[in-house]
N, C-alpha and C. Protein backbone atom coordinates (compact mmCIF):
# COMPACT_ATOMS: atom_id res chain seq x y z
N MET A 1 18.48 -14.86 -4.75
CA MET A 1 17.86 -14.28 -5.77
C MET A 1 19.31 -12.74 -5.83
N VAL A 2 19.24 -12.44 -4.87
CA VAL A 2 20.54 -11.31 -4.21
C VAL A 2 21.46 -11.77 -4.46
N ARG A 3 21.94 -12.80 -4.26
CA ARG A 3 23.31 -13.40 -4.82
C ARG A 3 23.31 -12.78 -5.92
N ARG A 4 22.81 -13.80 -6.80
CA ARG A 4 22.61 -14.28 -8.59
C ARG A 4 22.44 -12.34 -9.02
N ALA A 5 21.72 -11.88 -8.13
CA ALA A 5 21.42 -10.18 -9.19
C ALA A 5 23.11 -9.67 -8.82
N ILE A 6 23.30 -9.90 -7.79
CA ILE A 6 25.11 -8.88 -7.51
C ILE A 6 26.10 -9.75 -8.23
N GLN A 7 26.12 -10.89 -8.40
CA GLN A 7 26.77 -11.40 -9.54
C GLN A 7 26.96 -11.04 -10.80
N LEU A 8 25.42 -11.05 -11.38
CA LEU A 8 25.10 -10.65 -12.27
C LEU A 8 25.66 -8.72 -12.98
N LEU A 9 25.60 -7.76 -12.15
CA LEU A 9 25.41 -6.72 -11.87
C LEU A 9 27.20 -6.15 -11.38
N GLN A 10 27.92 -6.95 -10.81
CA GLN A 10 29.45 -6.49 -10.46
C GLN A 10 30.32 -6.23 -11.64
N TYR A 11 29.68 -6.51 -12.49
CA TYR A 11 30.62 -6.23 -14.15
C TYR A 11 30.32 -4.46 -14.79
N ASN A 12 29.53 -4.48 -14.05
CA ASN A 12 29.25 -3.14 -14.50
C ASN A 12 30.22 -1.98 -13.95
N VAL A 13 31.18 -1.59 -14.61
CA VAL A 13 32.35 -0.37 -14.10
C VAL A 13 31.61 0.79 -13.61
N GLY A 14 30.33 1.37 -14.12
CA GLY A 14 30.01 2.09 -13.76
C GLY A 14 29.03 2.27 -12.40
N GLY A 15 29.11 0.94 -11.83
CA GLY A 15 28.52 0.53 -10.70
C GLY A 15 26.66 0.68 -10.60
N TYR A 16 25.95 0.50 -10.33
CA TYR A 16 24.98 -0.51 -10.28
C TYR A 16 24.13 0.45 -8.85
N LEU A 17 22.80 0.13 -8.93
CA LEU A 17 21.96 -0.05 -7.94
C LEU A 17 20.97 -0.99 -7.84
N LEU A 18 20.87 -1.57 -6.97
CA LEU A 18 20.08 -3.04 -7.00
C LEU A 18 18.94 -2.62 -5.59
N VAL A 19 17.58 -2.88 -5.64
CA VAL A 19 16.63 -2.55 -4.58
C VAL A 19 15.81 -4.22 -4.91
N VAL A 20 15.68 -4.61 -3.49
CA VAL A 20 15.04 -5.79 -3.01
C VAL A 20 14.04 -5.43 -2.17
N ASP A 21 12.80 -5.41 -2.08
CA ASP A 21 11.34 -5.37 -2.03
C ASP A 21 11.49 -6.95 -0.90
N ALA A 22 11.17 -6.51 -0.20
CA ALA A 22 10.27 -8.07 0.91
C ALA A 22 8.77 -7.42 1.09
N GLY A 23 8.29 -7.87 -0.25
CA GLY A 23 7.04 -7.72 -0.61
C GLY A 23 6.00 -8.56 0.08
N LEU A 24 6.69 -9.75 0.59
CA LEU A 24 5.76 -10.68 1.06
C LEU A 24 5.33 -10.17 2.85
N ALA A 25 6.79 -9.71 3.36
CA ALA A 25 5.77 -9.07 4.43
C ALA A 25 4.87 -7.71 4.76
N ARG A 26 5.11 -7.25 3.64
CA ARG A 26 4.12 -6.00 3.46
C ARG A 26 2.59 -7.06 3.40
N LYS A 27 2.76 -8.22 2.46
CA LYS A 27 1.44 -8.89 2.60
C LYS A 27 0.96 -9.55 3.70
N ALA A 28 1.85 -9.70 5.01
CA ALA A 28 1.31 -10.69 6.02
C ALA A 28 1.14 -9.39 6.94
N ALA A 29 1.67 -8.42 7.03
CA ALA A 29 1.61 -7.12 7.59
C ALA A 29 -0.39 -6.76 7.10
N GLU A 30 -0.26 -6.87 6.18
CA GLU A 30 -2.01 -6.09 5.84
C GLU A 30 -3.11 -7.72 6.24
N GLY A 31 -2.84 -8.64 7.02
CA GLY A 31 -3.45 -9.51 7.22
C GLY A 31 -3.58 -9.92 8.44
N ASN A 32 -2.31 -8.65 9.18
CA ASN A 32 -2.44 -8.84 10.27
C ASN A 32 -1.90 -10.32 11.18
N ASN A 33 -1.23 -10.75 10.30
CA ASN A 33 -0.21 -12.42 10.41
C ASN A 33 1.22 -12.01 10.72
N GLY A 34 1.00 -12.03 12.29
CA GLY A 34 2.64 -11.82 13.09
C GLY A 34 3.45 -12.80 12.52
N GLU A 35 3.17 -13.82 12.79
CA GLU A 35 4.08 -15.08 12.26
C GLU A 35 4.38 -15.20 11.15
N ARG A 36 3.76 -14.94 10.16
CA ARG A 36 4.36 -14.48 8.73
C ARG A 36 5.51 -13.13 8.40
N THR A 37 4.64 -12.43 9.66
CA THR A 37 5.31 -10.84 9.38
C THR A 37 6.61 -11.35 9.59
N LEU A 38 7.07 -11.77 11.02
CA LEU A 38 8.50 -11.90 11.40
C LEU A 38 9.09 -12.62 10.81
N GLY A 39 8.58 -13.61 9.98
CA GLY A 39 9.50 -14.71 9.26
C GLY A 39 9.56 -14.29 7.92
N GLN A 40 9.10 -13.14 7.12
CA GLN A 40 9.36 -12.55 6.04
C GLN A 40 10.91 -11.52 7.09
N THR A 41 10.65 -11.25 7.98
CA THR A 41 11.73 -9.89 8.54
C THR A 41 13.12 -10.95 8.52
N VAL A 42 12.58 -11.83 8.80
CA VAL A 42 14.10 -12.67 9.29
C VAL A 42 14.44 -13.22 7.60
N GLU A 43 13.79 -13.18 6.28
CA GLU A 43 14.29 -13.56 5.49
C GLU A 43 15.07 -12.62 4.62
N LEU A 44 14.22 -10.91 4.95
CA LEU A 44 15.07 -9.84 4.56
C LEU A 44 16.28 -9.94 4.90
N ASP A 45 16.48 -10.38 6.70
CA ASP A 45 17.47 -10.35 7.45
C ASP A 45 18.66 -11.11 6.27
N ARG A 46 18.05 -12.04 6.19
CA ARG A 46 19.40 -13.45 5.49
C ARG A 46 19.61 -12.36 4.19
N ALA A 47 18.84 -11.86 3.26
CA ALA A 47 18.98 -11.15 2.32
C ALA A 47 20.03 -9.91 1.86
N VAL A 48 19.88 -8.95 3.39
CA VAL A 48 21.09 -7.72 3.35
C VAL A 48 22.31 -8.87 3.94
N GLY A 49 21.95 -10.09 4.67
CA GLY A 49 23.39 -10.62 5.49
C GLY A 49 24.23 -11.07 3.87
N VAL A 50 23.82 -11.65 2.77
CA VAL A 50 23.81 -12.04 1.49
C VAL A 50 24.53 -10.97 0.82
N ALA A 51 23.84 -9.90 0.78
CA ALA A 51 24.09 -8.61 -0.11
C ALA A 51 25.81 -7.96 0.72
N ARG A 52 25.75 -8.41 1.88
CA ARG A 52 26.65 -7.55 2.66
C ARG A 52 28.22 -8.48 2.25
N SER A 53 28.28 -9.80 2.36
CA SER A 53 28.83 -10.92 1.89
C SER A 53 29.09 -10.60 0.32
N TYR A 54 28.45 -10.74 -0.34
CA TYR A 54 29.08 -10.59 -1.81
C TYR A 54 29.18 -9.26 -2.81
N GLY A 55 28.63 -8.20 -1.70
CA GLY A 55 28.90 -6.86 -2.28
C GLY A 55 30.19 -5.89 -2.11
N GLY A 56 31.13 -6.62 -1.60
CA GLY A 56 32.07 -6.27 -1.62
C GLY A 56 32.44 -4.71 -0.12
N GLU A 57 33.91 -4.38 0.02
CA GLU A 57 33.73 -3.24 0.98
C GLU A 57 33.48 -2.26 0.82
N LYS A 58 33.42 -1.43 -0.69
CA LYS A 58 33.31 -0.42 -1.56
C LYS A 58 31.36 -0.20 -1.77
N SER A 59 31.01 -1.08 -1.25
CA SER A 59 29.05 -1.04 -1.47
C SER A 59 28.89 -0.73 -0.46
N THR A 60 27.58 0.61 -0.90
CA THR A 60 26.86 0.97 0.02
C THR A 60 25.57 0.15 0.15
N ILE A 61 24.97 -0.53 1.32
CA ILE A 61 23.89 -0.83 1.71
C ILE A 61 22.97 -0.44 2.32
N ILE A 62 21.74 -0.18 1.98
CA ILE A 62 20.90 0.61 2.66
C ILE A 62 19.37 -0.13 2.90
N VAL A 63 19.23 -0.49 4.30
CA VAL A 63 17.95 -1.20 4.52
C VAL A 63 16.92 -0.35 5.02
N CYS A 64 15.91 -0.20 4.54
CA CYS A 64 14.91 0.75 5.24
C CYS A 64 13.55 0.20 4.86
N GLY A 65 12.30 0.76 5.86
CA GLY A 65 11.11 0.54 5.45
C GLY A 65 10.22 1.43 4.27
N ASP A 66 9.23 1.27 3.69
CA ASP A 66 8.84 2.15 2.83
C ASP A 66 7.88 2.99 3.88
N VAL A 67 7.12 1.94 4.23
CA VAL A 67 5.73 2.49 5.13
C VAL A 67 5.76 1.69 6.64
N ALA A 68 4.86 2.04 7.36
CA ALA A 68 4.90 1.37 8.38
C ALA A 68 3.32 0.85 7.99
N ILE A 69 2.83 -0.93 8.06
CA ILE A 69 1.71 -1.45 8.03
C ILE A 69 0.71 -1.88 9.18
N GLY A 70 -0.41 -1.10 9.28
CA GLY A 70 -1.01 -2.07 10.82
C GLY A 70 -0.47 -1.54 11.67
N GLY A 71 0.18 -0.71 12.07
CA GLY A 71 0.46 -0.51 13.64
C GLY A 71 0.63 -1.79 14.20
N LEU A 72 1.57 -2.25 14.31
CA LEU A 72 2.05 -3.20 15.01
C LEU A 72 2.46 -2.94 16.27
N SER A 73 1.93 -4.03 17.20
CA SER A 73 2.57 -3.41 18.52
C SER A 73 3.14 -4.72 19.35
N LEU A 74 4.00 -4.76 20.21
CA LEU A 74 4.23 -5.61 21.47
C LEU A 74 3.94 -4.86 22.53
N ASN A 75 3.36 -5.71 23.29
CA ASN A 75 2.57 -5.62 24.45
C ASN A 75 3.58 -6.39 25.76
N GLY A 76 4.23 -5.41 26.74
CA GLY A 76 4.38 -6.16 27.70
C GLY A 76 5.76 -6.51 27.49
N PHE A 77 6.66 -7.06 28.16
CA PHE A 77 8.05 -7.89 28.15
C PHE A 77 7.66 -9.36 27.95
N PRO A 78 8.55 -10.14 26.98
CA PRO A 78 8.49 -11.09 27.06
C PRO A 78 9.28 -11.99 28.25
N PHE A 79 9.55 -13.35 28.32
CA PHE A 79 10.01 -13.84 29.42
C PHE A 79 11.50 -13.80 28.60
N ARG A 80 12.53 -13.56 29.90
CA ARG A 80 13.51 -13.57 29.63
C ARG A 80 14.75 -14.31 28.78
N LYS A 81 14.51 -15.79 29.07
CA LYS A 81 14.88 -16.38 28.45
C LYS A 81 14.20 -17.35 27.27
N ASP A 82 13.30 -16.77 26.73
CA ASP A 82 12.52 -17.43 25.41
C ASP A 82 12.88 -16.54 23.98
N SER A 83 12.74 -17.63 23.75
CA SER A 83 13.45 -17.79 22.33
C SER A 83 12.40 -17.04 21.05
N GLY A 84 11.40 -16.55 21.89
CA GLY A 84 10.99 -15.47 20.73
C GLY A 84 9.27 -15.88 20.23
N ILE A 85 8.94 -17.09 20.27
CA ILE A 85 8.00 -18.32 19.73
C ILE A 85 6.90 -17.71 20.46
N ALA A 86 6.93 -17.61 21.89
CA ALA A 86 6.21 -17.11 22.50
C ALA A 86 5.13 -15.41 22.28
N LEU A 87 5.93 -14.92 21.47
CA LEU A 87 5.51 -13.65 21.25
C LEU A 87 3.87 -14.18 20.63
N LEU A 88 4.15 -14.62 19.93
CA LEU A 88 2.89 -15.12 19.19
C LEU A 88 1.76 -16.06 19.53
N GLY A 89 1.77 -15.69 20.55
CA GLY A 89 0.68 -16.40 21.82
C GLY A 89 0.00 -15.59 22.81
N PHE A 90 -0.92 -15.95 23.68
CA PHE A 90 -1.01 -15.20 25.18
C PHE A 90 0.07 -14.88 25.86
N ASN A 91 -0.30 -14.01 26.86
CA ASN A 91 0.69 -13.81 28.12
C ASN A 91 -0.51 -14.52 29.15
N SER A 92 0.52 -14.92 30.24
CA SER A 92 -0.15 -15.10 31.43
C SER A 92 -1.57 -14.78 32.14
N ALA A 93 -1.73 -13.79 31.38
CA ALA A 93 -3.05 -13.22 31.62
C ALA A 93 -4.12 -13.22 30.68
N GLY A 94 -3.62 -14.07 29.56
CA GLY A 94 -4.24 -14.47 28.50
C GLY A 94 -4.73 -13.40 27.56
N GLN A 95 -3.40 -12.14 27.45
CA GLN A 95 -3.74 -11.30 26.37
C GLN A 95 -2.56 -11.35 24.99
N PRO A 96 -2.96 -11.48 24.42
CA PRO A 96 -1.89 -11.13 23.44
C PRO A 96 -0.88 -10.38 23.02
N TRP A 97 0.42 -11.10 23.21
CA TRP A 97 1.59 -10.38 22.56
C TRP A 97 1.90 -9.56 21.91
N ILE A 98 0.90 -9.65 20.74
CA ILE A 98 1.04 -9.08 19.57
C ILE A 98 -0.17 -8.71 19.16
N THR A 99 -0.38 -6.96 19.02
CA THR A 99 -1.72 -6.45 18.36
C THR A 99 -1.82 -5.88 17.22
N TRP A 100 -2.01 -5.45 16.66
CA TRP A 100 -2.23 -4.47 15.64
C TRP A 100 -3.48 -3.36 16.06
N ALA A 101 -2.98 -2.08 15.05
CA ALA A 101 -4.02 -0.85 15.28
C ALA A 101 -5.08 -1.15 14.55
N THR A 102 -4.95 -1.28 13.27
CA THR A 102 -5.90 -1.66 12.50
C THR A 102 -5.46 -3.47 11.45
N GLY A 103 -6.83 -3.51 10.66
CA GLY A 103 -6.53 -4.79 10.14
C GLY A 103 -8.09 -5.87 10.00
N PRO A 104 -7.81 -6.81 9.51
CA PRO A 104 -9.35 -7.90 9.32
C PRO A 104 -9.41 -8.36 10.54
N ASN A 105 -9.11 -8.41 11.34
CA ASN A 105 -9.15 -9.38 12.76
C ASN A 105 -9.88 -8.14 13.67
N GLY A 106 -9.95 -7.11 13.55
CA GLY A 106 -10.30 -5.86 14.40
C GLY A 106 -11.62 -5.88 14.43
N ASP A 107 -12.18 -4.70 15.51
CA ASP A 107 -13.74 -4.79 15.98
C ASP A 107 -14.71 -4.10 15.67
N LYS A 108 -15.34 -4.79 14.78
CA LYS A 108 -16.40 -3.84 13.98
C LYS A 108 -17.88 -3.11 14.62
N SER A 109 -17.71 -3.01 16.04
CA SER A 109 -18.49 -2.29 16.40
C SER A 109 -18.83 -0.84 16.10
N TYR A 110 -17.77 -0.46 15.54
CA TYR A 110 -17.29 1.23 15.23
C TYR A 110 -16.80 1.40 13.71
N GLY A 111 -16.70 2.76 13.41
CA GLY A 111 -15.98 3.36 12.83
C GLY A 111 -16.20 2.36 11.23
N ALA A 112 -15.31 1.89 10.40
CA ALA A 112 -15.34 1.71 9.21
C ALA A 112 -16.83 0.68 8.90
N ALA A 113 -16.73 0.05 9.75
CA ALA A 113 -17.81 -1.24 9.76
C ALA A 113 -18.99 -0.68 9.73
N LYS A 114 -19.08 0.38 10.43
CA LYS A 114 -20.35 1.18 10.44
C LYS A 114 -21.30 1.75 9.74
N ILE A 115 -20.22 2.36 8.30
CA ILE A 115 -20.64 2.88 7.66
C ILE A 115 -21.47 2.58 6.80
N PRO A 116 -22.98 2.90 5.92
CA PRO A 116 -23.97 2.67 5.16
C PRO A 116 -23.41 1.84 4.35
N GLY A 117 -23.32 0.46 3.84
CA GLY A 117 -22.91 0.03 2.64
C GLY A 117 -21.53 0.00 2.55
N LYS A 118 -20.79 -0.04 3.40
CA LYS A 118 -19.59 -0.24 3.57
C LYS A 118 -19.43 -1.98 4.50
N GLN A 119 -20.43 -2.33 4.63
CA GLN A 119 -20.40 -3.65 5.80
C GLN A 119 -19.63 -4.82 4.64
N ASP A 120 -18.56 -5.49 4.99
CA ASP A 120 -17.82 -6.29 4.66
C ASP A 120 -18.72 -7.66 4.02
N GLU A 121 -19.56 -7.94 3.08
CA GLU A 121 -20.71 -8.27 2.78
C GLU A 121 -20.01 -10.33 3.23
N ASN A 122 -18.80 -10.43 2.49
CA ASN A 122 -18.32 -11.43 2.31
C ASN A 122 -16.60 -12.09 2.55
N PRO A 123 -16.91 -11.91 4.11
CA PRO A 123 -15.50 -12.37 4.49
C PRO A 123 -14.19 -12.59 3.96
N SER A 124 -13.14 -12.70 3.70
CA SER A 124 -12.17 -13.72 3.62
C SER A 124 -11.93 -14.85 3.92
N LYS A 125 -11.80 -16.04 4.22
CA LYS A 125 -11.58 -17.09 4.96
C LYS A 125 -10.01 -17.14 5.07
N GLN A 126 -9.32 -17.51 6.20
CA GLN A 126 -8.22 -17.74 6.37
C GLN A 126 -7.70 -19.02 6.44
N SER A 127 -6.77 -19.48 5.87
CA SER A 127 -6.58 -21.26 6.56
C SER A 127 -6.17 -21.35 7.64
N GLN A 128 -7.04 -22.60 7.79
CA GLN A 128 -6.80 -23.34 9.40
C GLN A 128 -5.25 -22.85 10.09
N THR A 129 -4.18 -22.89 9.10
CA THR A 129 -3.02 -22.84 9.52
C THR A 129 -2.49 -21.37 10.36
N GLU A 130 -3.14 -20.47 9.90
CA GLU A 130 -2.64 -19.30 9.82
C GLU A 130 -3.57 -18.37 10.69
N GLN A 131 -2.68 -17.98 11.84
CA GLN A 131 -3.46 -17.11 12.73
C GLN A 131 -3.09 -15.96 12.38
N SER A 132 -4.65 -14.76 12.67
CA SER A 132 -4.07 -13.09 12.54
C SER A 132 -4.46 -12.97 14.13
N GLU A 133 -3.66 -11.68 14.54
CA GLU A 133 -3.46 -11.42 16.13
C GLU A 133 -4.70 -10.36 15.69
N PRO A 134 -5.29 -9.88 17.22
CA PRO A 134 -6.39 -9.10 16.91
C PRO A 134 -5.97 -7.69 16.76
N ALA A 135 -6.88 -6.92 16.33
CA ALA A 135 -6.76 -5.52 15.72
C ALA A 135 -7.85 -4.25 16.58
N ALA A 136 -7.36 -2.92 16.87
CA ALA A 136 -8.25 -2.22 17.32
C ALA A 136 -9.30 -1.81 16.42
N PHE A 137 -9.03 -1.08 15.17
CA PHE A 137 -10.23 -1.13 14.49
C PHE A 137 -10.04 -1.86 13.36
N TYR A 138 -11.41 -2.18 12.79
CA TYR A 138 -11.59 -3.08 12.02
C TYR A 138 -11.55 -2.55 10.81
N THR A 139 -10.80 -2.78 9.63
CA THR A 139 -10.34 -2.74 8.05
C THR A 139 -10.28 -3.99 7.28
N LYS A 140 -10.36 -4.07 6.18
CA LYS A 140 -10.58 -5.27 5.08
C LYS A 140 -9.09 -5.72 5.01
N SER A 141 -8.05 -5.14 5.28
CA SER A 141 -6.73 -5.16 5.48
C SER A 141 -6.01 -4.08 6.30
N SER A 142 -4.77 -4.27 6.86
CA SER A 142 -4.22 -2.85 7.70
C SER A 142 -3.87 -1.71 6.84
N LEU A 143 -4.11 -0.81 7.38
CA LEU A 143 -3.76 0.85 6.97
C LEU A 143 -2.44 0.93 6.96
N VAL A 144 -1.94 1.46 6.07
CA VAL A 144 -0.48 2.22 6.04
C VAL A 144 -0.52 3.15 7.23
N THR A 145 0.22 3.31 8.21
CA THR A 145 0.47 4.28 9.29
C THR A 145 1.44 5.71 8.82
N VAL A 146 1.78 6.09 9.69
CA VAL A 146 2.54 7.56 9.49
C VAL A 146 3.68 7.57 10.40
N GLU A 147 3.85 6.71 10.50
CA GLU A 147 5.31 6.54 11.71
C GLU A 147 6.66 6.71 11.00
N ASP A 148 7.75 7.07 11.30
CA ASP A 148 8.91 7.31 10.58
C ASP A 148 8.80 6.09 10.22
N VAL A 149 9.97 5.80 9.37
CA VAL A 149 10.91 4.16 8.90
C VAL A 149 11.75 4.51 9.48
N VAL A 150 12.18 2.83 9.53
CA VAL A 150 13.53 2.16 10.18
C VAL A 150 14.45 2.26 9.26
N ALA A 151 15.59 2.84 9.06
CA ALA A 151 17.09 3.11 8.17
C ALA A 151 18.00 2.60 8.48
N PHE A 152 19.27 1.91 7.95
CA PHE A 152 20.08 1.05 8.55
C PHE A 152 20.80 1.72 7.26
N GLY A 153 22.15 1.41 7.43
CA GLY A 153 23.29 1.82 6.31
C GLY A 153 24.43 1.23 6.35
N ASN A 154 24.81 0.69 6.20
CA ASN A 154 26.29 0.30 5.47
C ASN A 154 27.37 0.84 4.38
N GLY A 155 28.14 1.49 4.51
CA GLY A 155 29.26 1.90 3.68
C GLY A 155 29.47 3.16 3.40
N PRO A 156 29.75 3.43 1.95
CA PRO A 156 30.11 5.13 2.26
C PRO A 156 28.59 5.89 1.87
N GLY A 157 28.52 7.44 2.61
CA GLY A 157 27.44 7.93 2.49
C GLY A 157 26.33 7.64 3.44
N THR A 158 26.57 6.42 4.50
CA THR A 158 25.02 6.36 5.42
C THR A 158 25.28 6.38 6.72
N ASP A 159 25.94 7.63 7.12
CA ASP A 159 26.25 8.12 8.40
C ASP A 159 25.06 8.64 9.05
N ALA A 160 23.93 8.73 7.84
CA ALA A 160 22.78 9.43 8.67
C ALA A 160 21.43 8.89 8.67
N LEU A 161 21.58 7.53 8.00
CA LEU A 161 21.02 6.14 8.11
C LEU A 161 21.55 5.39 9.39
N GLN A 162 20.49 5.64 10.86
CA GLN A 162 21.08 4.90 11.52
C GLN A 162 19.88 5.18 12.99
N GLY A 163 18.74 4.51 12.60
CA GLY A 163 17.58 4.68 13.34
C GLY A 163 16.81 4.68 12.35
N VAL A 164 15.55 5.59 13.10
CA VAL A 164 14.04 5.96 12.69
C VAL A 164 14.45 7.34 12.13
N ILE A 165 13.81 7.41 10.66
CA ILE A 165 13.94 8.59 10.15
C ILE A 165 12.41 8.93 9.46
N GLU A 166 12.56 10.10 8.96
CA GLU A 166 10.90 10.40 7.83
C GLU A 166 11.68 9.98 6.76
N SER A 167 10.33 9.34 6.14
CA SER A 167 10.94 8.38 5.11
C SER A 167 11.27 9.34 4.31
N THR A 168 11.25 10.68 4.07
CA THR A 168 11.14 11.56 2.96
C THR A 168 12.68 12.23 2.65
N LYS A 169 13.44 11.61 3.94
CA LYS A 169 15.14 11.60 4.15
C LYS A 169 16.10 10.72 3.50
N VAL A 170 15.03 9.50 3.61
CA VAL A 170 16.18 8.73 3.07
C VAL A 170 16.40 8.91 1.55
N PHE A 171 14.85 9.30 0.61
CA PHE A 171 14.97 9.74 -0.92
C PHE A 171 16.38 10.99 -1.13
N GLU A 172 16.31 12.04 0.10
CA GLU A 172 17.29 12.65 0.04
C GLU A 172 18.53 12.59 0.30
N ILE A 173 19.05 11.59 1.14
CA ILE A 173 20.28 10.91 0.94
C ILE A 173 20.54 10.01 -0.45
N LEU A 174 19.73 9.75 -0.56
CA LEU A 174 19.98 8.54 -2.00
C LEU A 174 20.68 9.92 -3.20
N ARG A 175 19.55 10.33 -3.29
CA ARG A 175 19.50 11.68 -4.32
C ARG A 175 21.06 12.54 -3.99
N ASP A 176 21.41 12.94 -2.59
CA ASP A 176 22.80 13.70 -3.09
C ASP A 176 23.45 12.40 -2.68
N GLU A 177 23.78 11.18 -2.26
CA GLU A 177 25.02 10.13 -2.69
C GLU A 177 25.29 10.01 -4.07
N LEU A 178 24.30 9.25 -4.73
CA LEU A 178 24.11 9.05 -6.09
C LEU A 178 24.65 10.35 -6.83
């Protein structure tokens, strides 16, 4: 879809702004599903690759998150020659490599689950093929966190977009460059 959108928009002599959203990554993160979250991140990487290939040398490509969801954490260090798949399981001590701060697979013994009338009467059932990683705090879906976002840019005006920045700075950079 990114390739086709660029093909259609590139004939606009005034330039164009194309926004690509990785909404399925957000949905996977809200459900504490590490495998789907990482898979959708790979798909976003492919879309960025297509944009870089078809956008041309004068294109400005900005990649950034809008919010951080769920507080995904990588615990410990994976094996040196691991291909990455072990991150979705348990380490040698039986502890998960990936955990979340909030989400549906959290401990219901405290917090929001203890508020009268707020208990989840009918929790949604996940399919047998999907596995959620544990969360520290129970919520029906992972909460948005207040972390800074990761932002990278390629092309004119993207010097300030090289790492972790406040989400409001992305707007300022776009406003000043457009």
